[in-house]
PDB file of N, CA and C in Angstrom:
ATOM      1  N   ARG A   1      73.330 149.509  43.157  1.00  0.00           N
ATOM      2  CA  ARG A   1      73.439 148.104  42.879  1.00  0.00           C
ATOM      3  C   ARG A   1      73.480 147.841  41.374  1.00  0.00           C
ATOM      4  N   SER A   2      72.588 148.466  40.605  1.00  0.00           N
ATOM      5  CA  SER A   2      72.576 148.280  39.152  1.00  0.00           C
ATOM      6  C   SER A   2      73.877 148.769  38.536  1.00  0.00           C
ATOM      7  N   ARG A   3      74.386 149.900  39.036  1.00  0.00           N
ATOM      8  CA  ARG A   3      75.634 150.446  38.502  1.00  0.00           C
ATOM      9  C   ARG A   3      76.769 149.443  38.669  1.00  0.00           C
ATOM     10  N   ASN A   4      76.862 148.796  39.835  1.00  0.00           N
ATOM     11  CA  ASN A   4      77.912 147.810  40.065  1.00  0.00           C
ATOM     12  C   ASN A   4      77.806 146.640  39.095  1.00  0.00           C
ATOM     13  N   GLN A   5      76.594 146.179  38.857  1.00  0.00           N
ATOM     14  CA  GLN A   5      76.387 145.068  37.930  1.00  0.00           C
ATOM     15  C   GLN A   5      76.786 145.474  36.511  1.00  0.00           C
ATOM     16  N   ILE A   6      76.430 146.678  36.133  1.00  0.00           N
ATOM     17  CA  ILE A   6      76.750 147.171  34.789  1.00  0.00           C
ATOM     18  C   ILE A   6      78.257 147.347  34.630  1.00  0.00           C
ATOM     19  N   GLU A   7      78.901 147.909  35.659  1.00  0.00           N
ATOM     20  CA  GLU A   7      80.354 148.090  35.600  1.00  0.00           C
ATOM     21  C   GLU A   7      81.087 146.754  35.547  1.00  0.00           C
ATOM     22  N   LYS A   8      80.603 145.752  36.278  1.00  0.00           N
ATOM     23  CA  LYS A   8      81.212 144.423  36.236  1.00  0.00           C
ATOM     24  C   LYS A   8      81.133 143.813  34.840  1.00  0.00           C
ATOM     25  N   ALA A   9      80.107 144.210  34.089  1.00  0.00           N
ATOM     26  CA  ALA A   9      79.947 143.728  32.711  1.00  0.00           C
ATOM     27  C   ALA A   9      80.802 144.539  31.730  1.00  0.00           C
ATOM     28  N   GLY A  10      81.512 145.553  32.240  1.00  0.00           N
ATOM     29  CA  GLY A  10      82.399 146.336  31.388  1.00  0.00           C
ATOM     30  C   GLY A  10      81.777 147.576  30.770  1.00  0.00           C
ATOM     31  N   PHE A  11      80.666 148.005  31.302  1.00  0.00           N
ATOM     32  CA  PHE A  11      79.973 149.178  30.767  1.00  0.00           C
ATOM     33  C   PHE A  11      79.955 150.308  31.784  1.00  0.00           C
ATOM     34  N   ILE A  12      79.616 151.492  31.302  1.00  0.00           N
ATOM     35  CA  ILE A  12      79.394 152.640  32.186  1.00  0.00           C
ATOM     36  C   ILE A  12      77.958 153.106  32.009  1.00  0.00           C
ATOM     37  N   THR A  13      77.477 153.878  32.975  1.00  0.00           N
ATOM     38  CA  THR A  13      76.104 154.365  32.933  1.00  0.00           C
ATOM     39  C   THR A  13      76.096 155.876  32.771  1.00  0.00           C
ATOM     40  N   SER A  14      75.153 156.358  31.978  1.00  0.00           N
ATOM     41  CA  SER A  14      75.037 157.806  31.775  1.00  0.00           C
ATOM     42  C   SER A  14      73.616 158.155  31.357  1.00  0.00           C
ATOM     43  N   ALA A  15      73.285 159.440  31.507  1.00  0.00           N
ATOM     44  CA  ALA A  15      71.970 159.918  31.068  1.00  0.00           C
ATOM     45  C   ALA A  15      72.011 161.417  30.849  1.00  0.00           C
ATOM     46  N   ALA A  16      71.281 161.867  29.840  1.00  0.00           N
ATOM     47  CA  ALA A  16      71.016 163.296  29.652  1.00  0.00           C
ATOM     48  C   ALA A  16      69.742 163.579  30.438  1.00  0.00           C
ATOM     49  N   VAL A  17      69.812 164.564  31.327  1.00  0.00           N
ATOM     50  CA  VAL A  17      68.718 164.822  32.260  1.00  0.00           C
ATOM     51  C   VAL A  17      68.346 166.304  32.256  1.00  0.00           C
ATOM     52  N   PHE A  18      67.236 166.605  32.891  1.00  0.00           N
ATOM     53  CA  PHE A  18      66.834 168.003  33.038  1.00  0.00           C
ATOM     54  C   PHE A  18      67.807 168.702  33.998  1.00  0.00           C
ATOM     55  N   PRO A  19      67.828 170.041  34.013  1.00  0.00           N
ATOM     56  CA  PRO A  19      68.901 170.815  34.659  1.00  0.00           C
ATOM     57  C   PRO A  19      69.274 170.476  36.093  1.00  0.00           C
ATOM     58  N   THR A  20      68.327 170.295  36.962  1.00  0.00           N
ATOM     59  CA  THR A  20      68.628 169.965  38.356  1.00  0.00           C
ATOM     60  C   THR A  20      67.686 168.851  38.807  1.00  0.00           C
ATOM     61  N   PRO A  21      68.057 168.141  39.867  1.00  0.00           N
ATOM     62  CA  PRO A  21      67.146 167.105  40.364  1.00  0.00           C
ATOM     63  C   PRO A  21      65.749 167.648  40.703  1.00  0.00           C
ATOM     64  N   ASP A  22      65.685 168.802  41.344  1.00  0.00           N
ATOM     65  CA  ASP A  22      64.367 169.357  41.697  1.00  0.00           C
ATOM     66  C   ASP A  22      63.550 169.715  40.459  1.00  0.00           C
ATOM     67  N   MET A  23      64.196 170.356  39.487  1.00  0.00           N
ATOM     68  CA  MET A  23      63.490 170.698  38.251  1.00  0.00           C
ATOM     69  C   MET A  23      63.017 169.436  37.548  1.00  0.00           C
ATOM     70  N   SER A  24      63.846 168.407  37.552  1.00  0.00           N
ATOM     71  CA  SER A  24      63.491 167.152  36.895  1.00  0.00           C
ATOM     72  C   SER A  24      62.298 166.479  37.555  1.00  0.00           C
ATOM     73  N   ARG A  25      62.312 166.452  38.871  1.00  0.00           N
ATOM     74  CA  ARG A  25      61.171 165.854  39.577  1.00  0.00           C
ATOM     75  C   ARG A  25      59.886 166.622  39.275  1.00  0.00           C
ATOM     76  N   ARG A  26      59.989 167.928  39.283  1.00  0.00           N
ATOM     77  CA  ARG A  26      58.818 168.774  39.073  1.00  0.00           C
ATOM     78  C   ARG A  26      58.320 168.706  37.621  1.00  0.00           C
ATOM     79  N   MET A  27      59.226 168.711  36.667  1.00  0.00           N
ATOM     80  CA  MET A  27      58.838 168.826  35.266  1.00  0.00           C
ATOM     81  C   MET A  27      58.549 167.492  34.578  1.00  0.00           C
ATOM     82  N   VAL A  28      59.354 166.467  34.870  1.00  0.00           N
ATOM     83  CA  VAL A  28      59.213 165.203  34.144  1.00  0.00           C
ATOM     84  C   VAL A  28      59.264 163.966  35.042  1.00  0.00           C
ATOM     85  N   ARG A  29      59.189 164.182  36.345  1.00  0.00           N
ATOM     86  CA  ARG A  29      59.186 163.093  37.318  1.00  0.00           C
ATOM     87  C   ARG A  29      60.432 162.214  37.250  1.00  0.00           C
ATOM     88  N   GLN A  30      61.549 162.818  36.865  1.00  0.00           N
ATOM     89  CA  GLN A  30      62.835 162.119  36.927  1.00  0.00           C
ATOM     90  C   GLN A  30      63.410 162.306  38.323  1.00  0.00           C
ATOM     91  N   ASP A  31      63.910 161.237  38.871  1.00  0.00           N
ATOM     92  CA  ASP A  31      64.545 161.282  40.175  1.00  0.00           C
ATOM     93  C   ASP A  31      66.023 160.934  39.998  1.00  0.00           C
ATOM     94  N   TRP A  32      66.678 161.683  39.098  1.00  0.00           N
ATOM     95  CA  TRP A  32      68.000 161.269  38.637  1.00  0.00           C
ATOM     96  C   TRP A  32      69.112 161.340  39.670  1.00  0.00           C
ATOM     97  N   ASP A  33      68.939 162.087  40.718  1.00  0.00           N
ATOM     98  CA  ASP A  33      70.001 162.127  41.729  1.00  0.00           C
ATOM     99  C   ASP A  33      70.039 160.851  42.574  1.00  0.00           C
ATOM    100  N   SER A  34      69.094 159.952  42.363  1.00  0.00           N
ATOM    101  CA  SER A  34      69.116 158.670  43.080  1.00  0.00           C
ATOM    102  C   SER A  34      69.522 157.508  42.164  1.00  0.00           C
ATOM    103  N   TRP A  35      69.907 157.795  40.945  1.00  0.00           N
ATOM    104  CA  TRP A  35      70.207 156.734  39.977  1.00  0.00           C
ATOM    105  C   TRP A  35      71.619 156.153  40.115  1.00  0.00           C
ATOM    106  N   HIS A  36      72.537 156.881  40.706  1.00  0.00           N
ATOM    107  CA  HIS A  36      73.920 156.401  40.905  1.00  0.00           C
ATOM    108  C   HIS A  36      74.608 156.025  39.588  1.00  0.00           C
ATOM    109  N   LEU A  37      74.529 156.915  38.615  1.00  0.00           N
ATOM    110  CA  LEU A  37      75.178 156.691  37.324  1.00  0.00           C
ATOM    111  C   LEU A  37      76.627 157.158  37.369  1.00  0.00           C
ATOM    112  N   ASN A  38      77.392 156.783  36.357  1.00  0.00           N
ATOM    113  CA  ASN A  38      78.774 157.265  36.247  1.00  0.00           C
ATOM    114  C   ASN A  38      78.801 158.722  35.783  1.00  0.00           C
ATOM    115  N   TYR A  39      78.003 159.013  34.758  1.00  0.00           N
ATOM    116  CA  TYR A  39      78.025 160.336  34.136  1.00  0.00           C
ATOM    117  C   TYR A  39      76.602 160.869  33.959  1.00  0.00           C
ATOM    118  N   TYR A  40      76.463 162.157  34.230  1.00  0.00           N
ATOM    119  CA  TYR A  40      75.201 162.859  34.017  1.00  0.00           C
ATOM    120  C   TYR A  40      75.461 164.030  33.083  1.00  0.00           C
ATOM    121  N   PHE A  41      74.514 164.280  32.203  1.00  0.00           N
ATOM    122  CA  PHE A  41      74.596 165.386  31.265  1.00  0.00           C
ATOM    123  C   PHE A  41      73.357 166.269  31.424  1.00  0.00           C
ATOM    124  N   PRO A  42      73.329 167.104  32.481  1.00  0.00           N
ATOM    125  CA  PRO A  42      72.170 167.970  32.694  1.00  0.00           C
ATOM    126  C   PRO A  42      72.058 169.003  31.566  1.00  0.00           C
ATOM    127  N   MET A  43      70.916 169.034  30.932  1.00  0.00           N
ATOM    128  CA  MET A  43      70.674 169.962  29.831  1.00  0.00           C
ATOM    129  C   MET A  43      70.334 171.332  30.409  1.00  0.00           C
ATOM    130  N   ALA A  44      71.360 172.072  30.746  1.00  0.00           N
ATOM    131  CA  ALA A  44      71.207 173.373  31.416  1.00  0.00           C
ATOM    132  C   ALA A  44      71.136 174.488  30.384  1.00  0.00           C
ATOM    133  N   TYR A  45      70.080 174.502  29.624  1.00  0.00           N
ATOM    134  CA  TYR A  45      69.907 175.473  28.548  1.00  0.00           C
ATOM    135  C   TYR A  45      69.372 176.773  29.142  1.00  0.00           C
ATOM    136  N   ASN A  46      70.278 177.630  29.580  1.00  0.00           N
ATOM    137  CA  ASN A  46      69.881 178.831  30.312  1.00  0.00           C
ATOM    138  C   ASN A  46      68.869 179.687  29.545  1.00  0.00           C
ATOM    139  N   ASN A  47      68.999 179.774  28.238  1.00  0.00           N
ATOM    140  CA  ASN A  47      68.066 180.605  27.462  1.00  0.00           C
ATOM    141  C   ASN A  47      66.649 180.038  27.481  1.00  0.00           C
ATOM    142  N   PHE A  48      66.514 178.732  27.595  1.00  0.00           N
ATOM    143  CA  PHE A  48      65.188 178.111  27.631  1.00  0.00           C
ATOM    144  C   PHE A  48      64.409 178.549  28.868  1.00  0.00           C
ATOM    145  N   TYR A  49      65.139 178.884  29.921  1.00  0.00           N
ATOM    146  CA  TYR A  49      64.513 179.244  31.189  1.00  0.00           C
ATOM    147  C   TYR A  49      64.635 180.736  31.488  1.00  0.00           C
ATOM    148  N   GLY A  50      65.104 181.513  30.506  1.00  0.00           N
ATOM    149  CA  GLY A  50      65.256 182.964  30.686  1.00  0.00           C
ATOM    150  C   GLY A  50      66.297 183.316  31.734  1.00  0.00           C
ATOM    151  N   LYS A  51      67.342 182.506  31.829  1.00  0.00           N
ATOM    152  CA  LYS A  51      68.353 182.700  32.868  1.00  0.00           C
ATOM    153  C   LYS A  51      69.667 183.215  32.277  1.00  0.00           C
ATOM    154  N   LYS A  52      70.428 183.884  33.120  1.00  0.00           N
ATOM    155  CA  LYS A  52      71.741 184.414  32.740  1.00  0.00           C
ATOM    156  C   LYS A  52      72.812 183.349  32.993  1.00  0.00           C
ATOM    157  N   TYR A  53      74.060 183.682  32.679  1.00  0.00           N
ATOM    158  CA  TYR A  53      75.157 182.729  32.814  1.00  0.00           C
ATOM    159  C   TYR A  53      75.379 182.302  34.266  1.00  0.00           C
ATOM    160  N   ALA A  54      75.123 183.180  35.220  1.00  0.00           N
ATOM    161  CA  ALA A  54      75.303 182.838  36.636  1.00  0.00           C
ATOM    162  C   ALA A  54      74.450 181.627  37.021  1.00  0.00           C
ATOM    163  N   TRP A  55      73.330 181.451  36.356  1.00  0.00           N
ATOM    164  CA  TRP A  55      72.465 180.302  36.613  1.00  0.00           C
ATOM    165  C   TRP A  55      73.191 178.997  36.297  1.00  0.00           C
ATOM    166  N   LEU A  56      74.026 179.000  35.258  1.00  0.00           N
ATOM    167  CA  LEU A  56      74.783 177.804  34.898  1.00  0.00           C
ATOM    168  C   LEU A  56      75.744 177.410  36.011  1.00  0.00           C
ATOM    169  N   LYS A  57      76.340 178.398  36.636  1.00  0.00           N
ATOM    170  CA  LYS A  57      77.233 178.131  37.769  1.00  0.00           C
ATOM    171  C   LYS A  57      76.439 177.512  38.916  1.00  0.00           C
ATOM    172  N   LYS A  58      75.293 178.106  39.211  1.00  0.00           N
ATOM    173  CA  LYS A  58      74.445 177.623  40.295  1.00  0.00           C
ATOM    174  C   LYS A  58      73.965 176.188  40.030  1.00  0.00           C
ATOM    175  N   VAL A  59      73.487 175.942  38.827  1.00  0.00           N
ATOM    176  CA  VAL A  59      72.985 174.619  38.454  1.00  0.00           C
ATOM    177  C   VAL A  59      74.101 173.575  38.544  1.00  0.00           C
ATOM    178  N   SER A  60      75.267 173.908  38.035  1.00  0.00           N
ATOM    179  CA  SER A  60      76.389 172.959  38.076  1.00  0.00           C
ATOM    180  C   SER A  60      76.764 172.616  39.512  1.00  0.00           C
ATOM    181  N   LYS A  61      76.731 173.614  40.377  1.00  0.00           N
ATOM    182  CA  LYS A  61      77.046 173.394  41.795  1.00  0.00           C
ATOM    183  C   LYS A  61      76.007 172.478  42.446  1.00  0.00           C
ATOM    184  N   ILE A  62      74.739 172.744  42.181  1.00  0.00           N
ATOM    185  CA  ILE A  62      73.648 171.922  42.719  1.00  0.00           C
ATOM    186  C   ILE A  62      73.790 170.480  42.230  1.00  0.00           C
ATOM    187  N   ASP A  63      74.040 170.328  40.943  1.00  0.00           N
ATOM    188  CA  ASP A  63      74.127 168.997  40.356  1.00  0.00           C
ATOM    189  C   ASP A  63      75.314 168.211  40.907  1.00  0.00           C
ATOM    190  N   LYS A  64      76.447 168.874  41.014  1.00  0.00           N
ATOM    191  CA  LYS A  64      77.642 168.195  41.527  1.00  0.00           C
ATOM    192  C   LYS A  64      77.417 167.719  42.963  1.00  0.00           C
ATOM    193  N   LYS A  65      76.810 168.575  43.757  1.00  0.00           N
ATOM    194  CA  LYS A  65      76.506 168.201  45.144  1.00  0.00           C
ATOM    195  C   LYS A  65      75.512 167.035  45.187  1.00  0.00           C
ATOM    196  N   ALA A  66      74.542 167.040  44.280  1.00  0.00           N
ATOM    197  CA  ALA A  66      73.508 166.005  44.276  1.00  0.00           C
ATOM    198  C   ALA A  66      74.046 164.622  43.955  1.00  0.00           C
ATOM    199  N   VAL A  67      75.062 164.534  43.086  1.00  0.00           N
ATOM    200  CA  VAL A  67      75.550 163.208  42.687  1.00  0.00           C
ATOM    201  C   VAL A  67      76.772 162.764  43.473  1.00  0.00           C
ATOM    202  N   GLY A  68      77.428 163.667  44.156  1.00  0.00           N
ATOM    203  CA  GLY A  68      78.569 163.308  44.984  1.00  0.00           C
ATOM    204  C   GLY A  68      79.841 163.065  44.187  1.00  0.00           C
ATOM    205  N   VAL A  69      80.820 162.529  44.874  1.00  0.00           N
ATOM    206  CA  VAL A  69      82.159 162.387  44.293  1.00  0.00           C
ATOM    207  C   VAL A  69      82.309 161.155  43.399  1.00  0.00           C
ATOM    208  N   HIS A  70      81.355 160.270  43.406  1.00  0.00           N
ATOM    209  CA  HIS A  70      81.486 159.035  42.637  1.00  0.00           C
ATOM    210  C   HIS A  70      80.871 159.118  41.240  1.00  0.00           C
ATOM    211  N   SER A  71      80.362 160.286  40.880  1.00  0.00           N
ATOM    212  CA  SER A  71      79.775 160.497  39.560  1.00  0.00           C
ATOM    213  C   SER A  71      80.296 161.806  38.987  1.00  0.00           C
ATOM    214  N   LYS A  72      80.223 161.930  37.680  1.00  0.00           N
ATOM    215  CA  LYS A  72      80.693 163.132  36.995  1.00  0.00           C
ATOM    216  C   LYS A  72      79.515 163.887  36.382  1.00  0.00           C
ATOM    217  N   ILE A  73      79.625 165.212  36.428  1.00  0.00           N
ATOM    218  CA  ILE A  73      78.629 166.101  35.830  1.00  0.00           C
ATOM    219  C   ILE A  73      79.257 166.805  34.634  1.00  0.00           C
ATOM    220  N   PHE A  74      78.618 166.674  33.480  1.00  0.00           N
ATOM    221  CA  PHE A  74      79.019 167.409  32.283  1.00  0.00           C
ATOM    222  C   PHE A  74      77.847 168.315  31.923  1.00  0.00           C
ATOM    223  N   THR A  75      77.956 169.573  32.303  1.00  0.00           N
ATOM    224  CA  THR A  75      76.856 170.512  32.087  1.00  0.00           C
ATOM    225  C   THR A  75      76.592 170.670  30.598  1.00  0.00           C
ATOM    226  N   GLY A  76      75.356 170.460  30.207  1.00  0.00           N
ATOM    227  CA  GLY A  76      74.965 170.516  28.803  1.00  0.00           C
ATOM    228  C   GLY A  76      74.594 171.923  28.370  1.00  0.00           C
ATOM    229  N   LEU A  77      75.223 172.372  27.291  1.00  0.00           N
ATOM    230  CA  LEU A  77      74.949 173.692  26.729  1.00  0.00           C
ATOM    231  C   LEU A  77      74.335 173.525  25.338  1.00  0.00           C
ATOM    232  N   PHE A  78      73.377 174.379  25.018  1.00  0.00           N
ATOM    233  CA  PHE A  78      72.669 174.314  23.737  1.00  0.00           C
ATOM    234  C   PHE A  78      73.304 175.306  22.771  1.00  0.00           C
ATOM    235  N   LEU A  79      74.100 174.800  21.854  1.00  0.00           N
ATOM    236  CA  LEU A  79      74.902 175.640  20.968  1.00  0.00           C
ATOM    237  C   LEU A  79      74.122 176.673  20.152  1.00  0.00           C
ATOM    238  N   PRO A  80      72.929 176.361  19.621  1.00  0.00           N
ATOM    239  CA  PRO A  80      72.239 177.364  18.809  1.00  0.00           C
ATOM    240  C   PRO A  80      71.982 178.696  19.528  1.00  0.00           C
ATOM    241  N   THR A  81      71.861 178.654  20.853  1.00  0.00           N
ATOM    242  CA  THR A  81      71.599 179.901  21.582  1.00  0.00           C
ATOM    243  C   THR A  81      72.880 180.593  22.031  1.00  0.00           C
ATOM    244  N   LEU A  82      74.025 179.997  21.724  1.00  0.00           N
ATOM    245  CA  LEU A  82      75.305 180.539  22.194  1.00  0.00           C
ATOM    246  C   LEU A  82      76.228 180.904  21.032  1.00  0.00           C
ATOM    247  N   LYS A  83      75.673 181.118  19.842  1.00  0.00           N
ATOM    248  CA  LYS A  83      76.479 181.353  18.649  1.00  0.00           C
ATOM    249  C   LYS A  83      77.057 182.767  18.552  1.00  0.00           C
ATOM    250  N   LYS A  84      76.404 183.737  19.146  1.00  0.00           N
ATOM    251  CA  LYS A  84      76.840 185.129  18.989  1.00  0.00           C
ATOM    252  C   LYS A  84      77.971 185.485  19.947  1.00  0.00           C
ATOM    253  N   GLY A  85      78.913 186.289  19.448  1.00  0.00           N
ATOM    254  CA  GLY A  85      79.990 186.813  20.283  1.00  0.00           C
ATOM    255  C   GLY A  85      80.710 185.722  21.056  1.00  0.00           C
ATOM    256  N   ASN A  86      80.937 185.987  22.327  1.00  0.00           N
ATOM    257  CA  ASN A  86      81.638 185.001  23.173  1.00  0.00           C
ATOM    258  C   ASN A  86      80.693 184.371  24.193  1.00  0.00           C
ATOM    259  N   ARG A  87      79.442 184.211  23.806  1.00  0.00           N
ATOM    260  CA  ARG A  87      78.448 183.602  24.702  1.00  0.00           C
ATOM    261  C   ARG A  87      78.848 182.198  25.141  1.00  0.00           C
ATOM    262  N   LEU A  88      79.394 181.426  24.223  1.00  0.00           N
ATOM    263  CA  LEU A  88      79.781 180.066  24.567  1.00  0.00           C
ATOM    264  C   LEU A  88      80.870 180.064  25.635  1.00  0.00           C
ATOM    265  N   THR A  89      81.860 180.929  25.479  1.00  0.00           N
ATOM    266  CA  THR A  89      82.932 181.019  26.471  1.00  0.00           C
ATOM    267  C   THR A  89      82.371 181.383  27.837  1.00  0.00           C
ATOM    268  N   LYS A  90      81.482 182.365  27.877  1.00  0.00           N
ATOM    269  CA  LYS A  90      80.871 182.777  29.147  1.00  0.00           C
ATOM    270  C   LYS A  90      80.105 181.623  29.784  1.00  0.00           C
ATOM    271  N   ALA A  91      79.361 180.885  28.973  1.00  0.00           N
ATOM    272  CA  ALA A  91      78.573 179.761  29.493  1.00  0.00           C
ATOM    273  C   ALA A  91      79.477 178.656  30.029  1.00  0.00           C
ATOM    274  N   MET A  92      80.531 178.328  29.280  1.00  0.00           N
ATOM    275  CA  MET A  92      81.451 177.274  29.729  1.00  0.00           C
ATOM    276  C   MET A  92      82.142 177.675  31.021  1.00  0.00           C
ATOM    277  N   LYS A  93      82.598 178.918  31.110  1.00  0.00           N
ATOM    278  CA  LYS A  93      83.267 179.382  32.330  1.00  0.00           C
ATOM    279  C   LYS A  93      82.342 179.283  33.531  1.00  0.00           C
ATOM    280  N   ALA A  94      81.101 179.699  33.354  1.00  0.00           N
ATOM    281  CA  ALA A  94      80.142 179.667  34.459  1.00  0.00           C
ATOM    282  C   ALA A  94      79.922 178.234  34.939  1.00  0.00           C
ATOM    283  N   ALA A  95      79.732 177.314  34.008  1.00  0.00           N
ATOM    284  CA  ALA A  95      79.506 175.908  34.386  1.00  0.00           C
ATOM    285  C   ALA A  95      80.716 175.332  35.113  1.00  0.00           C
ATOM    286  N   MET A  96      81.895 175.614  34.603  1.00  0.00           N
ATOM    287  CA  MET A  96      83.109 175.076  35.222  1.00  0.00           C
ATOM    288  C   MET A  96      83.344 175.688  36.610  1.00  0.00           C
ATOM    289  N   LYS A  97      83.039 176.972  36.764  1.00  0.00           N
ATOM    290  CA  LYS A  97      83.171 177.605  38.085  1.00  0.00           C
ATOM    291  C   LYS A  97      82.202 176.999  39.089  1.00  0.00           C
ATOM    292  N   GLY A  98      81.100 176.462  38.592  1.00  0.00           N
ATOM    293  CA  GLY A  98      80.124 175.810  39.459  1.00  0.00           C
ATOM    294  C   GLY A  98      80.514 174.393  39.852  1.00  0.00           C
ATOM    295  N   GLY A  99      81.605 173.906  39.281  1.00  0.00           N
ATOM    296  CA  GLY A  99      82.076 172.578  39.655  1.00  0.00           C
ATOM    297  C   GLY A  99      81.825 171.485  38.643  1.00  0.00           C
ATOM    298  N   ALA A 100      81.339 171.840  37.455  1.00  0.00           N
ATOM    299  CA  ALA A 100      81.132 170.814  36.425  1.00  0.00           C
ATOM    300  C   ALA A 100      82.452 170.125  36.107  1.00  0.00           C
ATOM    301  N   ASP A 101      82.391 168.836  35.877  1.00  0.00           N
ATOM    302  CA  ASP A 101      83.579 168.074  35.510  1.00  0.00           C
ATOM    303  C   ASP A 101      83.930 168.275  34.042  1.00  0.00           C
ATOM    304  N   GLY A 102      82.978 168.763  33.285  1.00  0.00           N
ATOM    305  CA  GLY A 102      83.184 169.010  31.866  1.00  0.00           C
ATOM    306  C   GLY A 102      81.934 169.613  31.266  1.00  0.00           C
ATOM    307  N   ILE A 103      81.957 169.773  29.963  1.00  0.00           N
ATOM    308  CA  ILE A 103      80.843 170.382  29.234  1.00  0.00           C
ATOM    309  C   ILE A 103      80.372 169.408  28.170  1.00  0.00           C
ATOM    310  N   ALA A 104      79.068 169.343  27.988  1.00  0.00           N
ATOM    311  CA  ALA A 104      78.474 168.579  26.891  1.00  0.00           C
ATOM    312  C   ALA A 104      77.824 169.586  25.947  1.00  0.00           C
ATOM    313  N   PHE A 105      78.012 169.377  24.669  1.00  0.00           N
ATOM    314  CA  PHE A 105      77.453 170.291  23.676  1.00  0.00           C
ATOM    315  C   PHE A 105      76.306 169.609  22.965  1.00  0.00           C
ATOM    316  N   PHE A 106      75.151 170.262  22.983  1.00  0.00           N
ATOM    317  CA  PHE A 106      73.979 169.713  22.336  1.00  0.00           C
ATOM    318  C   PHE A 106      73.711 170.462  21.038  1.00  0.00           C
ATOM    319  N   ASN A 107      73.338 169.682  20.062  1.00  0.00           N
ATOM    320  CA  ASN A 107      73.082 170.108  18.697  1.00  0.00           C
ATOM    321  C   ASN A 107      74.388 170.501  18.009  1.00  0.00           C
ATOM    322  N   LEU A 108      75.209 169.509  17.782  1.00  0.00           N
ATOM    323  CA  LEU A 108      76.521 169.732  17.172  1.00  0.00           C
ATOM    324  C   LEU A 108      76.451 170.241  15.739  1.00  0.00           C
ATOM    325  N   ARG A 109      75.292 170.187  15.118  1.00  0.00           N
ATOM    326  CA  ARG A 109      75.170 170.757  13.765  1.00  0.00           C
ATOM    327  C   ARG A 109      75.513 172.238  13.768  1.00  0.00           C
ATOM    328  N   ASN A 110      75.418 172.862  14.920  1.00  0.00           N
ATOM    329  CA  ASN A 110      75.709 174.292  15.032  1.00  0.00           C
ATOM    330  C   ASN A 110      77.165 174.578  15.398  1.00  0.00           C
ATOM    331  N   LEU A 111      77.953 173.557  15.562  1.00  0.00           N
ATOM    332  CA  LEU A 111      79.365 173.754  15.887  1.00  0.00           C
ATOM    333  C   LEU A 111      80.094 174.216  14.632  1.00  0.00           C
ATOM    334  N   ASN A 112      80.683 175.405  14.719  1.00  0.00           N
ATOM    335  CA  ASN A 112      81.431 175.944  13.583  1.00  0.00           C
ATOM    336  C   ASN A 112      82.847 176.284  14.040  1.00  0.00           C
ATOM    337  N   ALA A 113      83.655 176.779  13.142  1.00  0.00           N
ATOM    338  CA  ALA A 113      85.063 177.065  13.449  1.00  0.00           C
ATOM    339  C   ALA A 113      85.198 178.092  14.575  1.00  0.00           C
ATOM    340  N   ARG A 114      84.341 179.092  14.609  1.00  0.00           N
ATOM    341  CA  ARG A 114      84.429 180.125  15.651  1.00  0.00           C
ATOM    342  C   ARG A 114      84.100 179.565  17.029  1.00  0.00           C
ATOM    343  N   LEU A 115      83.072 178.736  17.113  1.00  0.00           N
ATOM    344  CA  LEU A 115      82.720 178.116  18.392  1.00  0.00           C
ATOM    345  C   LEU A 115      83.795 177.123  18.818  1.00  0.00           C
ATOM    346  N   LEU A 116      84.306 176.375  17.878  1.00  0.00           N
ATOM    347  CA  LEU A 116      85.369 175.428  18.191  1.00  0.00           C
ATOM    348  C   LEU A 116      86.606 176.146  18.728  1.00  0.00           C
ATOM    349  N   LYS A 117      86.902 177.314  18.176  1.00  0.00           N
ATOM    350  CA  LYS A 117      88.031 178.109  18.658  1.00  0.00           C
ATOM    351  C   LYS A 117      87.798 178.549  20.106  1.00  0.00           C
ATOM    352  N   GLN A 118      86.570 178.952  20.441  1.00  0.00           N
ATOM    353  CA  GLN A 118      86.260 179.335  21.823  1.00  0.00           C
ATOM    354  C   GLN A 118      86.492 178.160  22.773  1.00  0.00           C
ATOM    355  N   ILE A 119      86.084 176.980  22.353  1.00  0.00           N
ATOM    356  CA  ILE A 119      86.263 175.788  23.187  1.00  0.00           C
ATOM    357  C   ILE A 119      87.755 175.516  23.388  1.00  0.00           C
ATOM    358  N   LYS A 120      88.493 175.489  22.303  1.00  0.00           N
ATOM    359  CA  LYS A 120      89.938 175.221  22.381  1.00  0.00           C
ATOM    360  C   LYS A 120      90.655 176.278  23.212  1.00  0.00           C
ATOM    361  N   ASP A 121      90.325 177.542  22.997  1.00  0.00           N
ATOM    362  CA  ASP A 121      90.984 178.629  23.734  1.00  0.00           C
ATOM    363  C   ASP A 121      90.733 178.518  25.231  1.00  0.00           C
ATOM    364  N   LEU A 122      89.498 178.237  25.621  1.00  0.00           N
ATOM    365  CA  LEU A 122      89.193 178.117  27.049  1.00  0.00           C
ATOM    366  C   LEU A 122      89.910 176.910  27.648  1.00  0.00           C
ATOM    367  N   TRP A 123      89.903 175.801  26.945  1.00  0.00           N
ATOM    368  CA  TRP A 123      90.567 174.605  27.471  1.00  0.00           C
ATOM    369  C   TRP A 123      92.058 174.847  27.666  1.00  0.00           C
ATOM    370  N   LYS A 124      92.682 175.541  26.695  1.00  0.00           N
ATOM    371  CA  LYS A 124      94.096 175.867  26.820  1.00  0.00           C
ATOM    372  C   LYS A 124      94.348 176.811  27.996  1.00  0.00           C
ATOM    373  N   LYS A 125      93.551 177.867  28.056  1.00  0.00           N
ATOM    374  CA  LYS A 125      93.706 178.884  29.097  1.00  0.00           C
ATOM    375  C   LYS A 125      93.522 178.298  30.491  1.00  0.00           C
ATOM    376  N   GLU A 126      92.530 177.456  30.649  1.00  0.00           N
ATOM    377  CA  GLU A 126      92.197 176.878  31.949  1.00  0.00           C
ATOM    378  C   GLU A 126      92.968 175.581  32.218  1.00  0.00           C
ATOM    379  N   ASN A 127      93.733 175.140  31.233  1.00  0.00           N
ATOM    380  CA  ASN A 127      94.502 173.898  31.333  1.00  0.00           C
ATOM    381  C   ASN A 127      93.595 172.711  31.684  1.00  0.00           C
ATOM    382  N   LEU A 128      92.525 172.589  30.949  1.00  0.00           N
ATOM    383  CA  LEU A 128      91.540 171.528  31.188  1.00  0.00           C
ATOM    384  C   LEU A 128      91.795 170.361  30.236  1.00  0.00           C
ATOM    385  N   ASN A 129      92.555 169.428  30.682  1.00  0.00           N
ATOM    386  CA  ASN A 129      92.867 168.278  29.815  1.00  0.00           C
ATOM    387  C   ASN A 129      92.162 167.036  30.261  1.00  0.00           C
TER     388      ASN A 129
END
């Protein structure tokens, strides 16, 4: 209901949230899968939880299922932990394979030419426009 009122006023709704609805409820009492927002940015910082890239795929799949077809999921990646080698590419691929509608990058101060190239290369390769 709130989303409809906000959209009628010409706005969209979004929030940066913890990685999954269950984790959010347990850790910070967020019940974000019931908010009916337009866009969600789950902060799926795999290194914070000692998880591998496959976890990003799993989280993205869970999140997409939780919000349904009327909302978009942009899996949030924490750039400072993805600076070495092709870690960023691996993380983005995993999130997209899990069904993420896109990627959100947190802490843009760490975005450099090499990371930007990884983003551009993956988008070109996967034809993600």
